[in-house]
Amino acid sequence: MSKGPICYTIGYGDRTLEEFISMLQNNKITHLVDIRRYPHSWMEHFDKEPLRSILPKNGISYVHCTGVGGMRESSYSEYMGTEEFNNSFSRLIDFIMEVNGIDGNPVLMCAEKNPKDCHRRYLAQHLEQLGIKVIHLTEPGQIDFSSFS
């Protein structure tokens, strides 16, 4: 019996790179999808290029999906009604399903530790409406299954 599609989310917040990678590995994450519009951080090791370099060395592939990123001129919920968002979200769903199809575990990553303070909450709602179970990795050893509906 199939478990159904699953997608994780995580925010790096003020974590060290070692703690972040440990959380990913402890949850058997195979593919990280960077959902920041601008993949830069005040902590340089969370910039796009360092992540693209170090994650594969730890058994995790890196993909950047800018089209579902936050920091928009309008509100994120307004942005979700655009063609740009819908096209990017469709590609994200295809990627999640592809990763699940090879028994992988995708995670959506941005900066905010708490998904309730982040655009991940809106993405999670949309994914859950499509039957994709969303699991939020919050602190080491802790996960949040709660829906934001």
N, C-alpha and C. Protein backbone atom coordinates (compact mmCIF):
# COMPACT_ATOMS: atom_id res chain seq x y z
N MET A 1 0.83 -1.18 0.00
CA MET A 1 0.00 0.00 0.00
C MET A 1 0.88 1.25 0.00
N SER A 2 0.59 2.18 -0.88
CA SER A 2 1.38 3.39 -1.04
C SER A 2 1.11 4.37 0.09
N LYS A 3 2.15 5.06 0.51
CA LYS A 3 2.01 6.04 1.58
C LYS A 3 1.44 7.36 1.08
N GLY A 4 1.40 7.56 -0.22
CA GLY A 4 0.95 8.83 -0.79
C GLY A 4 2.09 9.82 -0.82
N PRO A 5 1.96 10.85 -1.63
CA PRO A 5 3.05 11.82 -1.76
C PRO A 5 3.26 12.63 -0.48
N ILE A 6 4.54 12.87 -0.19
CA ILE A 6 4.94 13.63 1.00
C ILE A 6 5.94 14.70 0.59
N CYS A 7 5.84 15.85 1.23
CA CYS A 7 6.81 16.92 1.05
C CYS A 7 7.10 17.53 2.42
N TYR A 8 8.35 17.76 2.71
CA TYR A 8 8.77 18.39 3.96
C TYR A 8 9.02 19.88 3.71
N THR A 9 9.05 20.66 4.78
CA THR A 9 9.50 22.05 4.69
C THR A 9 10.47 22.30 5.85
N ILE A 10 11.37 23.26 5.63
CA ILE A 10 12.32 23.65 6.68
C ILE A 10 12.76 25.09 6.45
N GLY A 11 13.05 25.78 7.53
CA GLY A 11 13.67 27.10 7.47
C GLY A 11 14.99 27.03 8.22
N TYR A 12 16.01 27.65 7.67
CA TYR A 12 17.32 27.54 8.33
C TYR A 12 17.46 28.47 9.52
N GLY A 13 16.74 29.59 9.54
CA GLY A 13 16.78 30.50 10.69
C GLY A 13 18.20 30.85 11.09
N ASP A 14 18.52 30.62 12.37
CA ASP A 14 19.87 30.91 12.88
C ASP A 14 20.66 29.64 13.12
N ARG A 15 20.28 28.55 12.47
CA ARG A 15 20.97 27.27 12.65
C ARG A 15 22.38 27.32 12.07
N THR A 16 23.23 26.48 12.60
CA THR A 16 24.52 26.29 11.97
C THR A 16 24.30 25.39 10.76
N LEU A 17 25.23 25.41 9.84
CA LEU A 17 25.13 24.55 8.67
C LEU A 17 25.14 23.08 9.08
N GLU A 18 25.94 22.75 10.08
CA GLU A 18 26.02 21.37 10.56
C GLU A 18 24.68 20.91 11.14
N GLU A 19 24.04 21.75 11.94
CA GLU A 19 22.74 21.41 12.52
C GLU A 19 21.71 21.25 11.41
N PHE A 20 21.74 22.14 10.44
CA PHE A 20 20.80 22.09 9.33
C PHE A 20 20.94 20.79 8.54
N ILE A 21 22.17 20.45 8.16
CA ILE A 21 22.40 19.22 7.40
C ILE A 21 22.03 17.99 8.22
N SER A 22 22.31 18.03 9.50
CA SER A 22 21.95 16.92 10.39
C SER A 22 20.43 16.72 10.41
N MET A 23 19.68 17.82 10.48
CA MET A 23 18.21 17.71 10.46
C MET A 23 17.73 17.08 9.16
N LEU A 24 18.33 17.50 8.05
CA LEU A 24 17.95 16.92 6.76
C LEU A 24 18.26 15.43 6.72
N GLN A 25 19.46 15.07 7.13
CA GLN A 25 19.85 13.66 7.09
C GLN A 25 19.02 12.82 8.06
N ASN A 26 18.75 13.33 9.24
CA ASN A 26 17.94 12.58 10.22
C ASN A 26 16.52 12.32 9.73
N ASN A 27 16.05 13.15 8.79
CA ASN A 27 14.71 12.97 8.23
C ASN A 27 14.76 12.36 6.83
N LYS A 28 15.93 11.85 6.46
CA LYS A 28 16.12 11.15 5.18
C LYS A 28 15.74 12.00 3.97
N ILE A 29 16.07 13.29 4.03
CA ILE A 29 15.81 14.20 2.92
C ILE A 29 16.82 13.91 1.81
N THR A 30 16.32 13.80 0.58
CA THR A 30 17.18 13.50 -0.57
C THR A 30 17.29 14.68 -1.53
N HIS A 31 16.30 15.57 -1.51
CA HIS A 31 16.26 16.68 -2.45
C HIS A 31 15.80 17.95 -1.73
N LEU A 32 16.62 18.99 -1.78
CA LEU A 32 16.26 20.27 -1.19
C LEU A 32 15.84 21.22 -2.31
N VAL A 33 14.66 21.81 -2.16
CA VAL A 33 14.16 22.81 -3.10
C VAL A 33 14.21 24.16 -2.40
N ASP A 34 15.10 25.01 -2.86
CA ASP A 34 15.25 26.36 -2.31
C ASP A 34 14.12 27.21 -2.87
N ILE A 35 13.20 27.63 -2.02
CA ILE A 35 12.04 28.39 -2.48
C ILE A 35 12.15 29.87 -2.12
N ARG A 36 13.37 30.35 -1.98
CA ARG A 36 13.59 31.78 -1.77
C ARG A 36 13.67 32.45 -3.14
N ARG A 37 13.03 33.58 -3.28
CA ARG A 37 13.14 34.33 -4.53
C ARG A 37 14.58 34.78 -4.73
N TYR A 38 15.17 35.24 -3.66
CA TYR A 38 16.56 35.69 -3.69
C TYR A 38 17.36 34.75 -2.79
N PRO A 39 18.10 33.82 -3.35
CA PRO A 39 18.76 32.78 -2.54
C PRO A 39 20.07 33.25 -1.90
N HIS A 40 19.95 34.29 -1.08
CA HIS A 40 21.10 34.83 -0.36
C HIS A 40 20.72 34.97 1.11
N SER A 41 21.73 34.91 1.96
CA SER A 41 21.51 35.00 3.40
C SER A 41 22.61 35.82 4.04
N TRP A 42 22.31 36.36 5.21
CA TRP A 42 23.35 37.04 5.98
C TRP A 42 24.38 36.02 6.48
N MET A 43 23.99 34.75 6.49
CA MET A 43 24.93 33.66 6.80
C MET A 43 25.33 33.04 5.45
N GLU A 44 26.52 33.38 4.99
CA GLU A 44 26.93 33.05 3.62
C GLU A 44 26.81 31.58 3.27
N HIS A 45 26.92 30.68 4.26
CA HIS A 45 26.85 29.25 3.93
C HIS A 45 25.44 28.84 3.51
N PHE A 46 24.44 29.71 3.67
CA PHE A 46 23.09 29.44 3.19
C PHE A 46 22.79 30.14 1.87
N ASP A 47 23.80 30.75 1.25
CA ASP A 47 23.64 31.28 -0.10
C ASP A 47 23.54 30.12 -1.08
N LYS A 48 23.02 30.40 -2.25
CA LYS A 48 22.78 29.37 -3.26
C LYS A 48 24.03 28.57 -3.61
N GLU A 49 25.11 29.23 -3.94
CA GLU A 49 26.32 28.52 -4.41
C GLU A 49 26.93 27.61 -3.34
N PRO A 50 27.10 28.07 -2.10
CA PRO A 50 27.61 27.15 -1.08
C PRO A 50 26.69 25.94 -0.87
N LEU A 51 25.38 26.16 -0.86
CA LEU A 51 24.44 25.03 -0.69
C LEU A 51 24.55 24.07 -1.86
N ARG A 52 24.62 24.61 -3.08
CA ARG A 52 24.73 23.76 -4.27
C ARG A 52 25.99 22.92 -4.25
N SER A 53 26.99 23.40 -3.57
CA SER A 53 28.26 22.69 -3.47
C SER A 53 28.26 21.65 -2.34
N ILE A 54 27.80 22.05 -1.16
CA ILE A 54 27.95 21.18 0.02
C ILE A 54 26.85 20.13 0.15
N LEU A 55 25.62 20.43 -0.25
CA LEU A 55 24.53 19.46 -0.06
C LEU A 55 24.79 18.14 -0.79
N PRO A 56 25.20 18.16 -2.07
CA PRO A 56 25.47 16.88 -2.75
C PRO A 56 26.56 16.05 -2.06
N LYS A 57 27.49 16.70 -1.41
CA LYS A 57 28.54 15.98 -0.66
C LYS A 57 27.95 15.26 0.54
N ASN A 58 26.72 15.63 0.90
CA ASN A 58 26.00 15.01 2.02
C ASN A 58 24.81 14.19 1.55
N GLY A 59 24.79 13.86 0.26
CA GLY A 59 23.75 13.00 -0.29
C GLY A 59 22.42 13.68 -0.57
N ILE A 60 22.43 15.01 -0.69
CA ILE A 60 21.20 15.77 -0.90
C ILE A 60 21.37 16.64 -2.15
N SER A 61 20.46 16.52 -3.09
CA SER A 61 20.55 17.37 -4.29
C SER A 61 19.91 18.73 -3.99
N TYR A 62 20.34 19.74 -4.74
CA TYR A 62 19.87 21.11 -4.56
C TYR A 62 19.18 21.59 -5.84
N VAL A 63 18.00 22.19 -5.70
CA VAL A 63 17.27 22.79 -6.80
C VAL A 63 16.75 24.14 -6.33
N HIS A 64 16.82 25.16 -7.18
CA HIS A 64 16.28 26.47 -6.85
C HIS A 64 15.00 26.68 -7.64
N CYS A 65 13.92 27.03 -6.96
CA CYS A 65 12.61 27.24 -7.60
C CYS A 65 12.15 28.66 -7.27
N THR A 66 12.72 29.63 -7.97
CA THR A 66 12.48 31.04 -7.68
C THR A 66 11.03 31.46 -7.87
N GLY A 67 10.30 30.81 -8.77
CA GLY A 67 8.94 31.23 -9.11
C GLY A 67 7.92 31.06 -8.01
N VAL A 68 8.24 30.31 -6.96
CA VAL A 68 7.32 30.20 -5.82
C VAL A 68 7.86 30.95 -4.61
N GLY A 69 8.93 31.71 -4.82
CA GLY A 69 9.56 32.44 -3.73
C GLY A 69 8.71 33.60 -3.23
N GLY A 70 8.99 34.01 -2.03
CA GLY A 70 8.30 35.13 -1.42
C GLY A 70 8.93 36.46 -1.81
N MET A 71 8.75 37.44 -0.96
CA MET A 71 9.29 38.80 -1.16
C MET A 71 8.81 39.39 -2.49
N ARG A 72 7.50 39.49 -2.64
CA ARG A 72 6.89 40.02 -3.86
C ARG A 72 6.42 41.45 -3.64
N GLU A 73 6.18 42.16 -4.74
CA GLU A 73 5.71 43.54 -4.65
C GLU A 73 4.30 43.58 -4.02
N SER A 74 3.48 42.60 -4.37
CA SER A 74 2.15 42.49 -3.78
C SER A 74 2.21 41.44 -2.66
N SER A 75 1.08 41.18 -2.04
CA SER A 75 1.07 40.14 -1.01
C SER A 75 1.29 38.79 -1.67
N TYR A 76 1.78 37.83 -0.90
CA TYR A 76 2.05 36.51 -1.47
C TYR A 76 0.76 35.85 -1.93
N SER A 77 -0.32 36.03 -1.17
CA SER A 77 -1.60 35.43 -1.58
C SER A 77 -2.08 36.02 -2.91
N GLU A 78 -1.82 37.30 -3.15
CA GLU A 78 -2.16 37.90 -4.45
C GLU A 78 -1.26 37.32 -5.55
N TYR A 79 0.02 37.19 -5.24
CA TYR A 79 0.95 36.63 -6.21
C TYR A 79 0.55 35.21 -6.63
N MET A 80 -0.04 34.46 -5.69
CA MET A 80 -0.43 33.08 -5.98
C MET A 80 -1.50 33.00 -7.08
N GLY A 81 -2.15 34.10 -7.40
CA GLY A 81 -3.14 34.11 -8.46
C GLY A 81 -2.56 34.41 -9.84
N THR A 82 -1.24 34.57 -9.92
CA THR A 82 -0.62 34.92 -11.20
C THR A 82 -0.23 33.70 -12.01
N GLU A 83 -0.08 33.91 -13.30
CA GLU A 83 0.36 32.84 -14.19
C GLU A 83 1.78 32.38 -13.84
N GLU A 84 2.65 33.33 -13.48
CA GLU A 84 4.02 32.97 -13.10
C GLU A 84 4.02 31.98 -11.93
N PHE A 85 3.23 32.30 -10.90
CA PHE A 85 3.17 31.40 -9.76
C PHE A 85 2.61 30.05 -10.17
N ASN A 86 1.49 30.05 -10.88
CA ASN A 86 0.84 28.79 -11.24
C ASN A 86 1.74 27.89 -12.08
N ASN A 87 2.50 28.48 -13.00
CA ASN A 87 3.45 27.69 -13.80
C ASN A 87 4.55 27.10 -12.92
N SER A 88 5.09 27.92 -12.04
CA SER A 88 6.16 27.44 -11.14
C SER A 88 5.63 26.41 -10.16
N PHE A 89 4.43 26.63 -9.64
CA PHE A 89 3.84 25.69 -8.69
C PHE A 89 3.58 24.34 -9.36
N SER A 90 3.14 24.36 -10.62
CA SER A 90 2.93 23.11 -11.36
C SER A 90 4.23 22.35 -11.52
N ARG A 91 5.31 23.07 -11.84
CA ARG A 91 6.63 22.41 -11.95
C ARG A 91 7.08 21.87 -10.60
N LEU A 92 6.78 22.61 -9.52
CA LEU A 92 7.13 22.14 -8.18
C LEU A 92 6.38 20.85 -7.85
N ILE A 93 5.11 20.80 -8.15
CA ILE A 93 4.32 19.58 -7.90
C ILE A 93 4.89 18.41 -8.70
N ASP A 94 5.21 18.65 -9.98
CA ASP A 94 5.81 17.59 -10.80
C ASP A 94 7.10 17.08 -10.17
N PHE A 95 7.92 18.01 -9.66
CA PHE A 95 9.18 17.62 -9.05
C PHE A 95 8.94 16.81 -7.77
N ILE A 96 8.02 17.25 -6.94
CA ILE A 96 7.69 16.53 -5.70
C ILE A 96 7.24 15.10 -6.04
N MET A 97 6.38 14.97 -7.04
CA MET A 97 5.87 13.66 -7.43
C MET A 97 6.99 12.79 -8.00
N GLU A 98 7.88 13.40 -8.77
CA GLU A 98 9.02 12.66 -9.34
C GLU A 98 9.93 12.14 -8.22
N VAL A 99 10.24 12.97 -7.26
CA VAL A 99 11.10 12.58 -6.14
C VAL A 99 10.43 11.49 -5.32
N ASN A 100 9.14 11.64 -5.04
CA ASN A 100 8.40 10.61 -4.31
C ASN A 100 8.40 9.31 -5.09
N GLY A 101 8.33 9.40 -6.43
CA GLY A 101 8.30 8.22 -7.28
C GLY A 101 9.57 7.39 -7.24
N ILE A 102 10.67 8.00 -6.83
CA ILE A 102 11.93 7.25 -6.69
C ILE A 102 12.24 7.01 -5.21
N ASP A 103 11.20 7.08 -4.37
CA ASP A 103 11.32 6.89 -2.93
C ASP A 103 12.24 7.91 -2.27
N GLY A 104 12.28 9.12 -2.83
CA GLY A 104 13.04 10.20 -2.25
C GLY A 104 12.15 11.06 -1.37
N ASN A 105 12.78 11.95 -0.63
CA ASN A 105 12.06 12.87 0.25
C ASN A 105 12.47 14.30 -0.07
N PRO A 106 11.55 15.09 -0.67
CA PRO A 106 11.86 16.49 -0.95
C PRO A 106 11.55 17.39 0.24
N VAL A 107 12.32 18.46 0.35
CA VAL A 107 12.06 19.46 1.39
C VAL A 107 12.08 20.83 0.73
N LEU A 108 11.13 21.68 1.09
CA LEU A 108 11.09 23.06 0.63
C LEU A 108 11.78 23.91 1.70
N MET A 109 12.78 24.70 1.28
CA MET A 109 13.57 25.46 2.25
C MET A 109 13.50 26.95 1.98
N CYS A 110 13.37 27.70 3.07
CA CYS A 110 13.59 29.14 3.02
C CYS A 110 14.21 29.57 4.35
N ALA A 111 14.17 30.84 4.65
CA ALA A 111 14.89 31.35 5.82
C ALA A 111 14.15 31.19 7.14
N GLU A 112 12.87 31.43 7.17
CA GLU A 112 12.12 31.44 8.44
C GLU A 112 12.05 30.06 9.08
N LYS A 113 12.41 29.98 10.35
CA LYS A 113 12.32 28.70 11.07
C LYS A 113 10.88 28.22 11.20
N ASN A 114 9.99 29.13 11.56
CA ASN A 114 8.60 28.78 11.81
C ASN A 114 7.80 28.92 10.51
N PRO A 115 7.22 27.84 10.01
CA PRO A 115 6.46 27.95 8.76
C PRO A 115 5.24 28.86 8.86
N LYS A 116 4.78 29.12 10.05
CA LYS A 116 3.62 30.01 10.22
C LYS A 116 4.00 31.46 9.94
N ASP A 117 5.31 31.76 9.97
CA ASP A 117 5.80 33.12 9.72
C ASP A 117 6.33 33.27 8.30
N CYS A 118 5.96 32.38 7.40
CA CYS A 118 6.64 32.26 6.13
C CYS A 118 5.66 31.92 5.02
N HIS A 119 6.07 32.15 3.78
CA HIS A 119 5.22 31.78 2.65
C HIS A 119 5.09 30.26 2.49
N ARG A 120 5.89 29.49 3.22
CA ARG A 120 5.74 28.03 3.18
C ARG A 120 4.35 27.61 3.64
N ARG A 121 3.74 28.39 4.52
CA ARG A 121 2.40 28.03 5.00
C ARG A 121 1.39 28.03 3.86
N TYR A 122 1.51 29.00 2.92
CA TYR A 122 0.60 29.06 1.79
C TYR A 122 0.86 27.92 0.81
N LEU A 123 2.13 27.63 0.59
CA LEU A 123 2.47 26.50 -0.28
C LEU A 123 1.97 25.20 0.32
N ALA A 124 2.13 25.06 1.64
CA ALA A 124 1.67 23.85 2.32
C ALA A 124 0.17 23.66 2.16
N GLN A 125 -0.58 24.74 2.30
CA GLN A 125 -2.04 24.65 2.13
C GLN A 125 -2.39 24.16 0.73
N HIS A 126 -1.74 24.72 -0.27
CA HIS A 126 -2.00 24.31 -1.66
C HIS A 126 -1.62 22.85 -1.89
N LEU A 127 -0.48 22.46 -1.36
CA LEU A 127 -0.04 21.07 -1.53
C LEU A 127 -1.00 20.11 -0.84
N GLU A 128 -1.44 20.46 0.35
CA GLU A 128 -2.36 19.60 1.09
C GLU A 128 -3.70 19.48 0.37
N GLN A 129 -4.15 20.55 -0.27
CA GLN A 129 -5.39 20.50 -1.04
C GLN A 129 -5.29 19.52 -2.21
N LEU A 130 -4.07 19.29 -2.67
CA LEU A 130 -3.84 18.36 -3.78
C LEU A 130 -3.53 16.95 -3.29
N GLY A 131 -3.62 16.72 -1.97
CA GLY A 131 -3.39 15.39 -1.43
C GLY A 131 -1.95 15.08 -1.10
N ILE A 132 -1.09 16.09 -1.08
CA ILE A 132 0.31 15.90 -0.71
C ILE A 132 0.45 16.20 0.78
N LYS A 133 0.91 15.21 1.54
CA LYS A 133 1.10 15.40 2.98
C LYS A 133 2.32 16.29 3.20
N VAL A 134 2.18 17.31 4.01
CA VAL A 134 3.27 18.24 4.28
C VAL A 134 3.71 18.09 5.73
N ILE A 135 5.00 17.91 5.91
CA ILE A 135 5.60 17.77 7.24
C ILE A 135 6.61 18.89 7.43
N HIS A 136 6.42 19.68 8.46
CA HIS A 136 7.30 20.82 8.74
C HIS A 136 8.37 20.41 9.74
N LEU A 137 9.63 20.53 9.35
CA LEU A 137 10.75 20.27 10.25
C LEU A 137 11.03 21.58 10.98
N THR A 138 10.83 21.57 12.29
CA THR A 138 10.93 22.81 13.04
C THR A 138 12.19 22.89 13.88
N GLU A 139 12.39 21.94 14.76
CA GLU A 139 13.59 21.87 15.59
C GLU A 139 14.15 20.46 15.50
N PRO A 140 15.42 20.26 15.82
CA PRO A 140 15.97 18.90 15.76
C PRO A 140 15.11 17.93 16.58
N GLY A 141 14.70 16.85 15.94
CA GLY A 141 13.88 15.85 16.61
C GLY A 141 12.41 16.18 16.68
N GLN A 142 12.00 17.32 16.14
CA GLN A 142 10.61 17.74 16.23
C GLN A 142 10.07 18.02 14.83
N ILE A 143 8.86 17.53 14.56
CA ILE A 143 8.19 17.82 13.31
C ILE A 143 6.77 18.29 13.60
N ASP A 144 6.21 19.02 12.67
CA ASP A 144 4.86 19.57 12.82
C ASP A 144 4.02 19.08 11.67
N PHE A 145 3.00 18.28 11.98
CA PHE A 145 2.11 17.76 10.97
C PHE A 145 0.89 18.65 10.77
N SER A 146 0.75 19.68 11.59
CA SER A 146 -0.50 20.44 11.58
C SER A 146 -0.68 21.23 10.29
N SER A 147 -1.90 21.21 9.83
CA SER A 147 -2.27 21.97 8.64
C SER A 147 -2.56 23.40 9.07
N PHE A 148 -2.43 24.30 8.12
CA PHE A 148 -2.69 25.71 8.40
C PHE A 148 -4.06 26.12 7.89
N SER A 149 -4.90 25.16 7.53
CA SER A 149 -6.22 25.49 6.97
C SER A 149 -7.06 26.23 7.98
